[in-house]
């Protein structure tokens, strides 16, 4: 549900992998711009959101799911869950990191676990900036989409984020994410503060995700 390119260091890493600059913007009357994207890249609009007041306390919606904190996440296990949750939305930044960098970049990681003990979602929070919690990653496996678990997950994540000393909670999402993501954040009480356009190499063409990932975002066919 989160924008990959909004994560720190992401764009530099992708330029290193691709070595391809984006095309210059084409300006149209009225100030509109059309930016050419290389055929092996993707483009997205990132929306940055934040919450500066803790929302009113409400009963937590019932759910058979639960959160389990991974205090020292195993990199291989983390990557597997990251790909299961984020592959349908082309999350892949963490798949480019070796174990050492992944351990250094990971924040506070929680797995969403079902009644059978299977990991079915991922939550990652970053408290490294004083007074601020950044929701770095938040999502469930696609099999759980549309089954009413989102409200429970938001309630749990906000309870974790608004701990003593936190004055601001931030999250980013983009137009490649689930179409309900932005509405869900706004409904939860976040407000949009700015937008940016980004382009980056298609992770399916880099071999980081299977070619059939995210069929709603087709690979370009070359004529």
N, C-alpha and C. Protein backbone atom coordinates (compact mmCIF):
# COMPACT_ATOMS: atom_id res chain seq x y z
N UNK A 1 0.82 -1.19 0.00
CA UNK A 1 0.00 0.00 0.00
C UNK A 1 0.86 1.26 0.00
N UNK A 2 2.14 1.09 0.05
CA UNK A 2 3.00 2.25 0.16
C UNK A 2 3.82 2.46 -1.10
N UNK A 3 4.24 3.71 -1.28
CA UNK A 3 4.99 4.07 -2.47
C UNK A 3 6.45 3.69 -2.34
N UNK A 4 6.92 2.85 -3.22
CA UNK A 4 8.31 2.41 -3.15
C UNK A 4 9.28 3.57 -3.29
N UNK A 5 9.05 4.43 -4.27
CA UNK A 5 10.01 5.50 -4.52
C UNK A 5 10.06 6.54 -3.43
N UNK A 6 9.12 6.49 -2.51
CA UNK A 6 9.13 7.43 -1.40
C UNK A 6 10.06 7.00 -0.28
N UNK A 7 10.60 5.80 -0.36
CA UNK A 7 11.48 5.32 0.70
C UNK A 7 12.88 5.92 0.55
N UNK A 8 13.55 6.25 1.65
CA UNK A 8 14.87 6.89 1.59
C UNK A 8 15.87 6.06 0.80
N UNK A 9 16.61 6.74 -0.09
CA UNK A 9 17.67 6.09 -0.85
C UNK A 9 17.18 5.27 -2.03
N UNK A 10 15.86 5.22 -2.23
CA UNK A 10 15.32 4.34 -3.27
C UNK A 10 15.73 4.79 -4.66
N UNK A 11 15.54 6.08 -4.96
CA UNK A 11 15.80 6.53 -6.33
C UNK A 11 17.27 6.38 -6.70
N UNK A 12 18.18 6.65 -5.79
CA UNK A 12 19.59 6.47 -6.09
C UNK A 12 19.91 5.01 -6.39
N UNK A 13 19.29 4.12 -5.64
CA UNK A 13 19.51 2.69 -5.86
C UNK A 13 18.99 2.27 -7.23
N UNK A 14 17.85 2.77 -7.63
CA UNK A 14 17.28 2.40 -8.91
C UNK A 14 18.07 2.97 -10.07
N UNK A 15 18.61 4.18 -9.91
CA UNK A 15 19.46 4.73 -10.97
C UNK A 15 20.72 3.89 -11.12
N UNK A 16 21.24 3.42 -10.00
CA UNK A 16 22.43 2.57 -10.07
C UNK A 16 22.14 1.30 -10.85
N UNK A 17 20.94 0.74 -10.64
CA UNK A 17 20.58 -0.50 -11.33
C UNK A 17 20.32 -0.26 -12.81
N UNK A 18 19.69 0.85 -13.13
CA UNK A 18 19.25 1.04 -14.51
C UNK A 18 20.22 1.82 -15.38
N UNK A 19 20.87 2.84 -14.79
CA UNK A 19 21.77 3.71 -15.54
C UNK A 19 21.06 4.39 -16.71
N UNK A 20 19.77 4.67 -16.53
CA UNK A 20 19.01 5.29 -17.61
C UNK A 20 18.32 6.54 -17.09
N UNK A 21 18.61 7.71 -17.68
CA UNK A 21 17.92 8.93 -17.26
C UNK A 21 16.51 8.98 -17.82
N UNK A 22 15.62 9.68 -17.14
CA UNK A 22 14.28 9.89 -17.66
C UNK A 22 14.33 10.93 -18.76
N UNK A 23 13.35 10.88 -19.65
CA UNK A 23 13.30 11.85 -20.74
C UNK A 23 12.90 13.22 -20.24
N UNK A 24 13.20 14.28 -21.02
CA UNK A 24 12.84 15.63 -20.60
C UNK A 24 11.33 15.82 -20.67
N UNK A 25 10.78 16.66 -19.80
CA UNK A 25 9.33 16.90 -19.84
C UNK A 25 8.94 17.69 -21.07
N UNK A 26 7.76 17.39 -21.62
CA UNK A 26 7.20 18.13 -22.74
C UNK A 26 6.16 19.09 -22.18
N UNK A 27 6.32 20.37 -22.47
CA UNK A 27 5.41 21.37 -21.90
C UNK A 27 4.28 21.66 -22.87
N UNK A 28 3.08 21.79 -22.32
CA UNK A 28 1.89 22.06 -23.10
C UNK A 28 1.29 23.39 -22.66
N UNK A 29 0.44 23.98 -23.49
CA UNK A 29 -0.22 25.24 -23.09
C UNK A 29 -0.95 25.05 -21.76
N UNK A 30 -0.90 26.09 -20.95
CA UNK A 30 -1.54 26.04 -19.66
C UNK A 30 -0.66 25.49 -18.56
N UNK A 31 0.58 25.12 -18.88
CA UNK A 31 1.53 24.65 -17.88
C UNK A 31 1.55 23.15 -17.69
N UNK A 32 0.72 22.40 -18.42
CA UNK A 32 0.73 20.95 -18.29
C UNK A 32 2.03 20.38 -18.84
N UNK A 33 2.52 19.31 -18.25
CA UNK A 33 3.74 18.66 -18.71
C UNK A 33 3.49 17.18 -18.92
N UNK A 34 4.05 16.65 -19.97
CA UNK A 34 4.03 15.22 -20.24
C UNK A 34 5.47 14.73 -20.24
N UNK A 35 5.81 13.86 -19.29
CA UNK A 35 7.18 13.41 -19.11
C UNK A 35 7.36 12.04 -19.75
N UNK A 36 8.27 11.95 -20.70
CA UNK A 36 8.55 10.67 -21.35
C UNK A 36 9.25 9.74 -20.36
N UNK A 37 8.87 8.47 -20.39
CA UNK A 37 9.45 7.45 -19.52
C UNK A 37 10.08 6.38 -20.40
N UNK A 38 11.30 5.94 -20.11
CA UNK A 38 11.89 4.86 -20.90
C UNK A 38 10.97 3.64 -20.91
N UNK A 39 10.96 2.86 -21.97
CA UNK A 39 10.01 1.74 -22.07
C UNK A 39 10.17 0.67 -21.01
N UNK A 40 11.34 0.60 -20.37
CA UNK A 40 11.53 -0.40 -19.32
C UNK A 40 11.38 0.21 -17.93
N UNK A 41 10.76 1.40 -17.86
CA UNK A 41 10.51 2.07 -16.59
C UNK A 41 9.01 2.15 -16.32
N UNK A 42 8.67 2.46 -15.08
CA UNK A 42 7.30 2.75 -14.67
C UNK A 42 7.24 4.17 -14.13
N UNK A 43 6.06 4.75 -14.15
CA UNK A 43 5.86 6.07 -13.59
C UNK A 43 4.71 6.08 -12.61
N UNK A 44 4.79 6.94 -11.61
CA UNK A 44 3.74 7.01 -10.60
C UNK A 44 3.75 8.38 -9.95
N UNK A 45 2.58 8.77 -9.47
CA UNK A 45 2.45 9.98 -8.65
C UNK A 45 2.42 9.54 -7.19
N UNK A 46 3.34 10.09 -6.40
CA UNK A 46 3.43 9.78 -4.98
C UNK A 46 2.69 10.85 -4.19
N UNK A 47 1.83 10.43 -3.27
CA UNK A 47 1.16 11.36 -2.36
C UNK A 47 1.73 11.16 -0.96
N UNK A 48 2.19 12.23 -0.36
CA UNK A 48 2.75 12.22 1.00
C UNK A 48 1.65 12.66 1.97
N UNK A 49 1.45 11.87 3.00
CA UNK A 49 0.38 12.14 3.96
C UNK A 49 0.94 12.17 5.37
N UNK A 50 0.26 12.89 6.24
CA UNK A 50 0.67 12.90 7.64
C UNK A 50 -0.52 13.15 8.55
N UNK A 51 -0.33 12.80 9.80
CA UNK A 51 -1.32 12.99 10.85
C UNK A 51 -0.58 13.65 12.01
N UNK A 52 -1.08 14.78 12.48
CA UNK A 52 -0.37 15.51 13.54
C UNK A 52 -1.10 15.47 14.87
N UNK A 53 -2.23 14.82 14.92
CA UNK A 53 -2.96 14.63 16.17
C UNK A 53 -3.44 13.19 16.25
N UNK A 54 -3.30 12.62 17.42
CA UNK A 54 -3.77 11.25 17.60
C UNK A 54 -5.30 11.21 17.42
N UNK A 55 -5.80 10.27 16.61
CA UNK A 55 -7.25 10.20 16.42
C UNK A 55 -7.96 9.77 17.69
N UNK A 56 -9.25 10.09 17.80
CA UNK A 56 -10.01 9.67 18.99
C UNK A 56 -9.98 8.15 19.16
N UNK A 57 -9.92 7.72 20.40
CA UNK A 57 -9.91 6.29 20.67
C UNK A 57 -11.27 5.68 20.31
N UNK A 58 -11.23 4.58 19.59
CA UNK A 58 -12.43 3.86 19.21
C UNK A 58 -12.21 2.38 19.47
N UNK A 59 -13.28 1.61 19.62
CA UNK A 59 -13.11 0.17 19.78
C UNK A 59 -12.39 -0.43 18.58
N UNK A 60 -11.46 -1.33 18.84
CA UNK A 60 -10.75 -2.00 17.75
C UNK A 60 -11.69 -2.98 17.06
N UNK A 61 -11.82 -2.90 15.73
CA UNK A 61 -12.70 -3.85 15.03
C UNK A 61 -12.24 -5.28 15.26
N UNK A 62 -13.18 -6.21 15.36
CA UNK A 62 -12.79 -7.62 15.58
C UNK A 62 -12.09 -8.19 14.35
N UNK A 63 -11.18 -9.11 14.58
CA UNK A 63 -10.47 -9.77 13.48
C UNK A 63 -9.84 -11.05 14.00
N UNK A 64 -9.78 -12.08 13.18
CA UNK A 64 -9.07 -13.30 13.56
C UNK A 64 -7.56 -13.16 13.42
N UNK A 65 -7.11 -12.03 12.89
CA UNK A 65 -5.68 -11.81 12.68
C UNK A 65 -5.06 -11.21 13.94
N UNK A 66 -3.72 -11.28 13.99
CA UNK A 66 -2.99 -10.66 15.10
C UNK A 66 -1.63 -10.20 14.59
N UNK A 67 -1.02 -9.29 15.32
CA UNK A 67 0.31 -8.79 14.98
C UNK A 67 1.35 -9.47 15.85
N UNK A 68 2.44 -9.88 15.22
CA UNK A 68 3.56 -10.49 15.93
C UNK A 68 4.82 -9.72 15.55
N UNK A 69 5.48 -9.13 16.55
CA UNK A 69 6.69 -8.37 16.26
C UNK A 69 7.86 -9.30 15.98
N UNK A 70 8.59 -9.00 14.91
CA UNK A 70 9.85 -9.69 14.60
C UNK A 70 10.98 -8.80 15.13
N UNK A 71 11.52 -9.16 16.28
CA UNK A 71 12.53 -8.30 16.90
C UNK A 71 13.86 -8.35 16.17
N UNK A 72 14.23 -9.47 15.62
CA UNK A 72 15.45 -9.59 14.83
C UNK A 72 15.09 -10.35 13.55
N UNK A 73 14.47 -9.66 12.59
CA UNK A 73 13.96 -10.35 11.41
C UNK A 73 15.07 -11.05 10.61
N UNK A 74 14.80 -12.26 10.20
CA UNK A 74 15.70 -12.97 9.30
C UNK A 74 15.53 -12.37 7.90
N UNK A 75 16.61 -11.93 7.25
CA UNK A 75 16.46 -11.26 5.94
C UNK A 75 15.71 -12.10 4.91
N UNK A 76 16.00 -13.40 4.85
CA UNK A 76 15.34 -14.24 3.85
C UNK A 76 13.83 -14.33 4.12
N UNK A 77 13.47 -14.48 5.38
CA UNK A 77 12.06 -14.57 5.75
C UNK A 77 11.36 -13.24 5.49
N UNK A 78 12.05 -12.14 5.79
CA UNK A 78 11.48 -10.82 5.53
C UNK A 78 11.24 -10.63 4.03
N UNK A 79 12.22 -10.96 3.19
CA UNK A 79 12.06 -10.77 1.75
C UNK A 79 10.89 -11.59 1.22
N UNK A 80 10.71 -12.80 1.73
CA UNK A 80 9.62 -13.65 1.27
C UNK A 80 8.28 -13.01 1.57
N UNK A 81 8.10 -12.52 2.79
CA UNK A 81 6.84 -11.88 3.15
C UNK A 81 6.66 -10.56 2.40
N UNK A 82 7.72 -9.80 2.26
CA UNK A 82 7.69 -8.54 1.52
C UNK A 82 7.19 -8.77 0.09
N UNK A 83 7.71 -9.80 -0.57
CA UNK A 83 7.31 -10.09 -1.95
C UNK A 83 5.88 -10.60 -2.02
N UNK A 84 5.45 -11.40 -1.05
CA UNK A 84 4.09 -11.92 -1.07
C UNK A 84 3.07 -10.79 -0.90
N UNK A 85 3.38 -9.87 0.00
CA UNK A 85 2.46 -8.76 0.26
C UNK A 85 2.56 -7.69 -0.82
N UNK A 86 3.76 -7.34 -1.21
CA UNK A 86 3.96 -6.19 -2.09
C UNK A 86 4.09 -6.49 -3.56
N UNK A 87 4.34 -7.76 -3.92
CA UNK A 87 4.52 -8.09 -5.33
C UNK A 87 3.37 -7.64 -6.22
N UNK A 88 2.11 -7.82 -5.78
CA UNK A 88 1.00 -7.38 -6.63
C UNK A 88 0.97 -5.88 -6.89
N UNK A 89 1.73 -5.10 -6.10
CA UNK A 89 1.77 -3.65 -6.27
C UNK A 89 3.19 -3.19 -6.63
N UNK A 90 4.02 -4.15 -7.01
CA UNK A 90 5.39 -3.89 -7.48
C UNK A 90 6.28 -3.26 -6.43
N UNK A 91 6.09 -3.62 -5.15
CA UNK A 91 7.10 -3.30 -4.15
C UNK A 91 8.36 -4.11 -4.48
N UNK A 92 9.48 -3.48 -4.41
CA UNK A 92 10.69 -4.28 -4.66
C UNK A 92 11.97 -3.66 -4.13
N UNK A 93 11.92 -2.48 -3.53
CA UNK A 93 13.16 -1.83 -3.09
C UNK A 93 13.97 -2.74 -2.18
N UNK A 94 13.31 -3.41 -1.25
CA UNK A 94 14.04 -4.24 -0.29
C UNK A 94 14.63 -5.49 -0.94
N UNK A 95 14.11 -5.86 -2.10
CA UNK A 95 14.64 -7.03 -2.80
C UNK A 95 15.98 -6.75 -3.45
N UNK A 96 16.38 -5.48 -3.52
CA UNK A 96 17.67 -5.14 -4.10
C UNK A 96 18.80 -5.10 -3.07
N UNK A 97 18.46 -5.22 -1.78
CA UNK A 97 19.45 -5.07 -0.71
C UNK A 97 20.08 -6.40 -0.35
N UNK A 98 21.38 -6.38 -0.03
CA UNK A 98 21.99 -7.57 0.56
C UNK A 98 21.59 -7.64 2.03
N UNK A 99 21.98 -8.72 2.70
CA UNK A 99 21.53 -8.93 4.08
C UNK A 99 21.96 -7.79 5.00
N UNK A 100 23.20 -7.34 4.85
CA UNK A 100 23.71 -6.31 5.75
C UNK A 100 22.93 -5.01 5.59
N UNK A 101 22.68 -4.62 4.36
CA UNK A 101 21.95 -3.37 4.17
C UNK A 101 20.49 -3.52 4.60
N UNK A 102 19.92 -4.68 4.35
CA UNK A 102 18.53 -4.89 4.75
C UNK A 102 18.38 -4.79 6.26
N UNK A 103 19.31 -5.40 6.99
CA UNK A 103 19.25 -5.31 8.46
C UNK A 103 19.38 -3.85 8.91
N UNK A 104 20.24 -3.09 8.22
CA UNK A 104 20.43 -1.68 8.60
C UNK A 104 19.21 -0.83 8.28
N UNK A 105 18.49 -1.17 7.22
CA UNK A 105 17.36 -0.34 6.77
C UNK A 105 16.06 -0.68 7.48
N UNK A 106 15.90 -1.91 7.94
CA UNK A 106 14.64 -2.32 8.52
C UNK A 106 14.33 -1.52 9.78
N UNK A 107 13.07 -1.15 9.92
CA UNK A 107 12.63 -0.49 11.14
C UNK A 107 12.04 -1.51 12.10
N UNK A 108 10.94 -1.14 12.71
CA UNK A 108 10.23 -2.04 13.62
C UNK A 108 9.26 -2.87 12.79
N UNK A 109 9.50 -4.16 12.71
CA UNK A 109 8.76 -5.04 11.81
C UNK A 109 7.75 -5.89 12.59
N UNK A 110 6.53 -5.92 12.08
CA UNK A 110 5.48 -6.77 12.63
C UNK A 110 4.89 -7.59 11.49
N UNK A 111 4.72 -8.88 11.72
CA UNK A 111 4.00 -9.71 10.77
C UNK A 111 2.54 -9.80 11.18
N UNK A 112 1.66 -9.78 10.20
CA UNK A 112 0.25 -10.07 10.44
C UNK A 112 0.08 -11.58 10.30
N UNK A 113 -0.47 -12.20 11.32
CA UNK A 113 -0.54 -13.66 11.38
C UNK A 113 -2.00 -14.08 11.49
N UNK A 114 -2.39 -15.13 10.74
CA UNK A 114 -3.77 -15.61 10.81
C UNK A 114 -3.93 -16.66 11.91
N UNK A 115 -5.13 -17.22 12.01
CA UNK A 115 -5.42 -18.16 13.09
C UNK A 115 -4.59 -19.43 13.00
N UNK A 116 -4.11 -19.76 11.81
CA UNK A 116 -3.28 -20.95 11.63
C UNK A 116 -1.80 -20.67 11.86
N UNK A 117 -1.47 -19.41 12.18
CA UNK A 117 -0.07 -19.06 12.41
C UNK A 117 0.70 -18.71 11.16
N UNK A 118 0.01 -18.48 10.05
CA UNK A 118 0.65 -18.15 8.78
C UNK A 118 0.76 -16.65 8.63
N UNK A 119 1.93 -16.15 8.20
CA UNK A 119 2.11 -14.72 7.99
C UNK A 119 1.34 -14.28 6.74
N UNK A 120 0.44 -13.32 6.91
CA UNK A 120 -0.41 -12.88 5.81
C UNK A 120 -0.36 -11.37 5.61
N UNK A 121 0.55 -10.70 6.28
CA UNK A 121 0.66 -9.26 6.11
C UNK A 121 1.93 -8.74 6.75
N UNK A 122 2.26 -7.50 6.41
CA UNK A 122 3.51 -6.88 6.87
C UNK A 122 3.24 -5.45 7.32
N UNK A 123 3.80 -5.10 8.46
CA UNK A 123 3.80 -3.72 8.97
C UNK A 123 5.23 -3.37 9.33
N UNK A 124 5.70 -2.22 8.86
CA UNK A 124 7.04 -1.76 9.24
C UNK A 124 6.98 -0.27 9.59
N UNK A 125 7.45 0.05 10.77
CA UNK A 125 7.41 1.42 11.28
C UNK A 125 8.83 1.91 11.53
N UNK A 126 9.05 3.19 11.27
CA UNK A 126 10.37 3.78 11.45
C UNK A 126 10.25 4.95 12.43
N UNK A 127 10.94 4.82 13.57
CA UNK A 127 10.90 5.85 14.61
C UNK A 127 12.24 6.59 14.72
N UNK A 128 13.08 6.48 13.71
CA UNK A 128 14.43 7.03 13.83
C UNK A 128 14.46 8.55 13.90
N UNK A 129 13.48 9.21 13.31
CA UNK A 129 13.43 10.68 13.42
C UNK A 129 12.67 11.03 14.70
N UNK A 130 13.28 11.78 15.61
CA UNK A 130 12.61 12.09 16.89
C UNK A 130 11.24 12.72 16.68
N UNK A 131 10.26 12.23 17.42
CA UNK A 131 8.93 12.78 17.37
C UNK A 131 8.09 12.35 16.18
N UNK A 132 8.63 11.48 15.35
CA UNK A 132 7.94 11.12 14.10
C UNK A 132 7.94 9.61 13.92
N UNK A 133 6.80 9.09 13.47
CA UNK A 133 6.71 7.69 13.04
C UNK A 133 6.39 7.68 11.56
N UNK A 134 7.21 7.02 10.77
CA UNK A 134 6.95 6.81 9.35
C UNK A 134 6.46 5.38 9.16
N UNK A 135 5.27 5.23 8.61
CA UNK A 135 4.78 3.90 8.25
C UNK A 135 5.43 3.55 6.92
N UNK A 136 6.47 2.73 6.97
CA UNK A 136 7.24 2.45 5.77
C UNK A 136 6.53 1.46 4.87
N UNK A 137 5.99 0.41 5.45
CA UNK A 137 5.26 -0.59 4.67
C UNK A 137 4.06 -1.07 5.47
N UNK A 138 2.97 -1.29 4.76
CA UNK A 138 1.73 -1.73 5.40
C UNK A 138 0.89 -2.44 4.34
N UNK A 139 0.59 -3.70 4.57
CA UNK A 139 -0.23 -4.40 3.60
C UNK A 139 -0.53 -5.83 4.00
N UNK A 140 -1.52 -6.39 3.30
CA UNK A 140 -1.94 -7.77 3.49
C UNK A 140 -1.77 -8.52 2.17
N UNK A 141 -1.69 -9.83 2.24
CA UNK A 141 -1.61 -10.63 1.01
C UNK A 141 -2.90 -10.43 0.22
N UNK A 142 -2.84 -10.55 -1.10
CA UNK A 142 -4.03 -10.24 -1.93
C UNK A 142 -5.23 -11.13 -1.62
N UNK A 143 -5.00 -12.32 -1.09
CA UNK A 143 -6.12 -13.22 -0.78
C UNK A 143 -7.05 -12.64 0.28
N UNK A 144 -6.56 -11.69 1.07
CA UNK A 144 -7.37 -11.10 2.14
C UNK A 144 -8.04 -9.78 1.72
N UNK A 145 -7.79 -9.34 0.51
CA UNK A 145 -8.35 -8.06 0.06
C UNK A 145 -9.88 -8.12 0.04
N UNK A 146 -10.49 -7.04 0.47
CA UNK A 146 -11.94 -6.93 0.43
C UNK A 146 -12.69 -7.74 1.46
N UNK A 147 -12.00 -8.23 2.48
CA UNK A 147 -12.65 -9.05 3.50
C UNK A 147 -12.81 -8.34 4.84
N UNK A 148 -12.60 -7.02 4.84
CA UNK A 148 -12.88 -6.24 6.04
C UNK A 148 -11.76 -6.20 7.05
N UNK A 149 -10.55 -6.68 6.69
CA UNK A 149 -9.45 -6.68 7.66
C UNK A 149 -8.72 -5.33 7.72
N UNK A 150 -8.95 -4.48 6.73
CA UNK A 150 -8.20 -3.24 6.66
C UNK A 150 -8.45 -2.32 7.83
N UNK A 151 -9.69 -2.20 8.29
CA UNK A 151 -9.99 -1.30 9.40
C UNK A 151 -9.30 -1.78 10.69
N UNK A 152 -9.31 -3.09 10.89
CA UNK A 152 -8.59 -3.64 12.06
C UNK A 152 -7.11 -3.32 11.97
N UNK A 153 -6.53 -3.51 10.79
CA UNK A 153 -5.10 -3.29 10.63
C UNK A 153 -4.74 -1.83 10.85
N UNK A 154 -5.54 -0.91 10.31
CA UNK A 154 -5.28 0.51 10.53
C UNK A 154 -5.34 0.85 12.01
N UNK A 155 -6.34 0.32 12.71
CA UNK A 155 -6.46 0.60 14.14
C UNK A 155 -5.24 0.11 14.91
N UNK A 156 -4.76 -1.07 14.56
CA UNK A 156 -3.60 -1.63 15.25
C UNK A 156 -2.34 -0.83 14.94
N UNK A 157 -2.17 -0.46 13.69
CA UNK A 157 -0.97 0.28 13.29
C UNK A 157 -0.94 1.67 13.94
N UNK A 158 -2.07 2.34 13.96
CA UNK A 158 -2.09 3.67 14.59
C UNK A 158 -1.85 3.58 16.09
N UNK A 159 -2.34 2.51 16.72
CA UNK A 159 -2.06 2.32 18.15
C UNK A 159 -0.57 2.13 18.38
N UNK A 160 0.12 1.43 17.48
CA UNK A 160 1.56 1.25 17.60
C UNK A 160 2.32 2.54 17.30
N UNK A 161 1.85 3.27 16.29
CA UNK A 161 2.56 4.47 15.84
C UNK A 161 2.50 5.59 16.87
N UNK A 162 1.32 5.79 17.47
CA UNK A 162 1.14 6.90 18.41
C UNK A 162 1.57 6.50 19.82
N UNK A 163 2.84 6.26 19.96
CA UNK A 163 3.37 5.93 21.28
C UNK A 163 3.90 7.22 21.93
N UNK A 164 4.21 7.19 23.21
CA UNK A 164 4.67 8.41 23.88
C UNK A 164 5.85 9.06 23.16
N UNK A 165 5.78 10.36 22.99
CA UNK A 165 6.84 11.11 22.32
C UNK A 165 6.61 11.35 20.85
N UNK A 166 5.69 10.63 20.23
CA UNK A 166 5.41 10.81 18.80
C UNK A 166 4.44 11.98 18.64
N UNK A 167 4.81 12.92 17.77
CA UNK A 167 3.97 14.08 17.50
C UNK A 167 3.42 14.10 16.07
N UNK A 168 3.96 13.19 15.24
CA UNK A 168 3.53 13.18 13.83
C UNK A 168 3.69 11.78 13.29
N UNK A 169 2.69 11.31 12.55
CA UNK A 169 2.75 10.01 11.87
C UNK A 169 2.62 10.27 10.38
N UNK A 170 3.53 9.71 9.60
CA UNK A 170 3.57 9.96 8.16
C UNK A 170 3.47 8.65 7.39
N UNK A 171 2.96 8.75 6.18
CA UNK A 171 2.86 7.60 5.29
C UNK A 171 2.84 8.13 3.86
N UNK A 172 3.31 7.33 2.92
CA UNK A 172 3.31 7.72 1.51
C UNK A 172 2.63 6.61 0.70
N UNK A 173 1.91 6.99 -0.32
CA UNK A 173 1.32 6.01 -1.22
C UNK A 173 1.42 6.54 -2.64
N UNK A 174 1.25 5.65 -3.61
CA UNK A 174 1.39 6.09 -5.00
C UNK A 174 0.32 5.45 -5.86
N UNK A 175 0.25 5.89 -7.11
CA UNK A 175 -0.79 5.44 -8.02
C UNK A 175 -0.59 4.01 -8.51
N UNK A 176 0.49 3.36 -8.15
CA UNK A 176 0.66 1.94 -8.44
C UNK A 176 0.10 1.06 -7.33
N UNK A 177 -0.20 1.66 -6.18
CA UNK A 177 -0.69 0.90 -5.04
C UNK A 177 -2.15 0.51 -5.23
N UNK A 178 -2.67 -0.26 -4.26
CA UNK A 178 -4.07 -0.65 -4.30
C UNK A 178 -4.95 0.59 -4.47
N UNK A 179 -5.95 0.54 -5.35
CA UNK A 179 -6.75 1.76 -5.61
C UNK A 179 -7.49 2.28 -4.39
N UNK A 180 -7.66 1.45 -3.36
CA UNK A 180 -8.36 1.91 -2.15
C UNK A 180 -7.41 2.49 -1.12
N UNK A 181 -6.10 2.42 -1.37
CA UNK A 181 -5.14 2.80 -0.33
C UNK A 181 -5.27 4.27 0.08
N UNK A 182 -5.26 5.17 -0.90
CA UNK A 182 -5.29 6.60 -0.57
C UNK A 182 -6.58 6.96 0.16
N UNK A 183 -7.71 6.43 -0.29
CA UNK A 183 -8.98 6.71 0.38
C UNK A 183 -8.95 6.20 1.82
N UNK A 184 -8.34 5.04 2.02
CA UNK A 184 -8.28 4.47 3.37
C UNK A 184 -7.45 5.35 4.30
N UNK A 185 -6.34 5.87 3.82
CA UNK A 185 -5.52 6.74 4.65
C UNK A 185 -6.27 8.02 5.00
N UNK A 186 -6.95 8.60 4.03
CA UNK A 186 -7.70 9.83 4.30
C UNK A 186 -8.84 9.54 5.28
N UNK A 187 -9.51 8.42 5.13
CA UNK A 187 -10.59 8.07 6.04
C UNK A 187 -10.07 7.84 7.46
N UNK A 188 -8.83 7.35 7.56
CA UNK A 188 -8.25 7.10 8.88
C UNK A 188 -7.82 8.38 9.59
N UNK A 189 -7.79 9.51 8.85
CA UNK A 189 -7.44 10.77 9.48
C UNK A 189 -6.17 11.42 8.98
N UNK A 190 -5.49 10.81 8.01
CA UNK A 190 -4.31 11.44 7.42
C UNK A 190 -4.74 12.56 6.49
N UNK A 191 -3.85 13.52 6.29
CA UNK A 191 -4.09 14.58 5.32
C UNK A 191 -2.94 14.62 4.33
N UNK A 192 -3.27 14.86 3.07
CA UNK A 192 -2.25 14.94 2.04
C UNK A 192 -1.50 16.26 2.14
N UNK A 193 -0.17 16.21 2.07
CA UNK A 193 0.64 17.42 2.22
C UNK A 193 1.41 17.80 0.96
N UNK A 194 1.75 16.85 0.12
CA UNK A 194 2.44 17.17 -1.13
C UNK A 194 2.40 15.97 -2.06
N UNK A 195 2.77 16.21 -3.32
CA UNK A 195 2.83 15.16 -4.33
C UNK A 195 4.13 15.26 -5.10
N UNK A 196 4.54 14.15 -5.70
CA UNK A 196 5.72 14.13 -6.55
C UNK A 196 5.52 13.07 -7.63
N UNK A 197 6.20 13.26 -8.75
CA UNK A 197 6.19 12.24 -9.80
C UNK A 197 7.52 11.51 -9.77
N UNK A 198 7.47 10.21 -9.92
CA UNK A 198 8.70 9.42 -9.96
C UNK A 198 8.62 8.40 -11.08
N UNK A 199 9.78 8.02 -11.61
CA UNK A 199 9.87 6.90 -12.54
C UNK A 199 11.04 6.03 -12.11
N UNK A 200 10.93 4.74 -12.37
CA UNK A 200 11.96 3.81 -11.92
C UNK A 200 11.89 2.55 -12.78
N UNK A 201 12.96 1.77 -12.82
CA UNK A 201 12.98 0.56 -13.64
C UNK A 201 11.90 -0.43 -13.21
N UNK A 202 11.28 -1.07 -14.18
CA UNK A 202 10.27 -2.08 -13.89
C UNK A 202 10.94 -3.27 -13.22
N UNK A 203 10.56 -3.61 -11.98
CA UNK A 203 11.25 -4.70 -11.27
C UNK A 203 11.07 -6.06 -11.92
N UNK A 204 10.04 -6.21 -12.73
CA UNK A 204 9.85 -7.49 -13.44
C UNK A 204 10.91 -7.67 -14.50
N UNK A 205 11.32 -6.57 -15.13
CA UNK A 205 12.36 -6.66 -16.15
C UNK A 205 13.75 -6.79 -15.54
N UNK A 206 13.89 -6.38 -14.28
CA UNK A 206 15.15 -6.55 -13.57
C UNK A 206 15.30 -7.95 -12.99
N UNK A 207 14.24 -8.75 -13.06
CA UNK A 207 14.28 -10.09 -12.50
C UNK A 207 14.04 -10.13 -11.01
N UNK A 208 13.59 -9.03 -10.43
CA UNK A 208 13.34 -8.99 -8.98
C UNK A 208 11.96 -9.52 -8.62
N UNK A 209 11.03 -9.46 -9.56
CA UNK A 209 9.70 -10.00 -9.38
C UNK A 209 9.33 -10.81 -10.61
N UNK A 210 8.46 -11.81 -10.48
CA UNK A 210 8.06 -12.60 -11.65
C UNK A 210 7.40 -11.73 -12.71
N UNK A 211 7.53 -12.10 -13.98
CA UNK A 211 6.93 -11.30 -15.06
C UNK A 211 5.41 -11.17 -14.95
N UNK A 212 4.75 -12.13 -14.30
CA UNK A 212 3.29 -12.05 -14.19
C UNK A 212 2.82 -11.30 -12.95
N UNK A 213 3.73 -10.67 -12.22
CA UNK A 213 3.33 -9.84 -11.08
C UNK A 213 2.56 -8.61 -11.58
N UNK A 214 1.59 -8.18 -10.79
CA UNK A 214 0.84 -6.95 -11.07
C UNK A 214 0.32 -6.91 -12.50
N UNK A 215 -0.54 -7.87 -12.89
CA UNK A 215 -1.05 -7.87 -14.27
C UNK A 215 -1.86 -6.63 -14.62
N UNK A 216 -2.31 -5.90 -13.61
CA UNK A 216 -3.06 -4.67 -13.87
C UNK A 216 -2.15 -3.56 -14.40
N UNK A 217 -0.84 -3.78 -14.33
CA UNK A 217 0.14 -2.82 -14.87
C UNK A 217 0.91 -3.56 -15.96
N UNK A 218 0.46 -3.53 -17.20
CA UNK A 218 1.04 -4.39 -18.24
C UNK A 218 2.47 -4.00 -18.60
N UNK A 219 3.24 -5.03 -18.90
CA UNK A 219 4.54 -4.79 -19.50
C UNK A 219 4.34 -4.25 -20.92
N UNK A 220 5.19 -3.33 -21.33
CA UNK A 220 5.07 -2.76 -22.66
C UNK A 220 5.57 -3.77 -23.69
N UNK A 221 4.83 -3.85 -24.78
CA UNK A 221 5.23 -4.70 -25.90
C UNK A 221 5.94 -3.85 -26.93
N UNK A 222 7.05 -4.35 -27.39
CA UNK A 222 7.82 -3.60 -28.38
C UNK A 222 7.43 -4.09 -29.80
N UNK A 223 7.04 -3.11 -30.61
CA UNK A 223 6.62 -3.46 -31.96
C UNK A 223 7.77 -3.61 -32.94
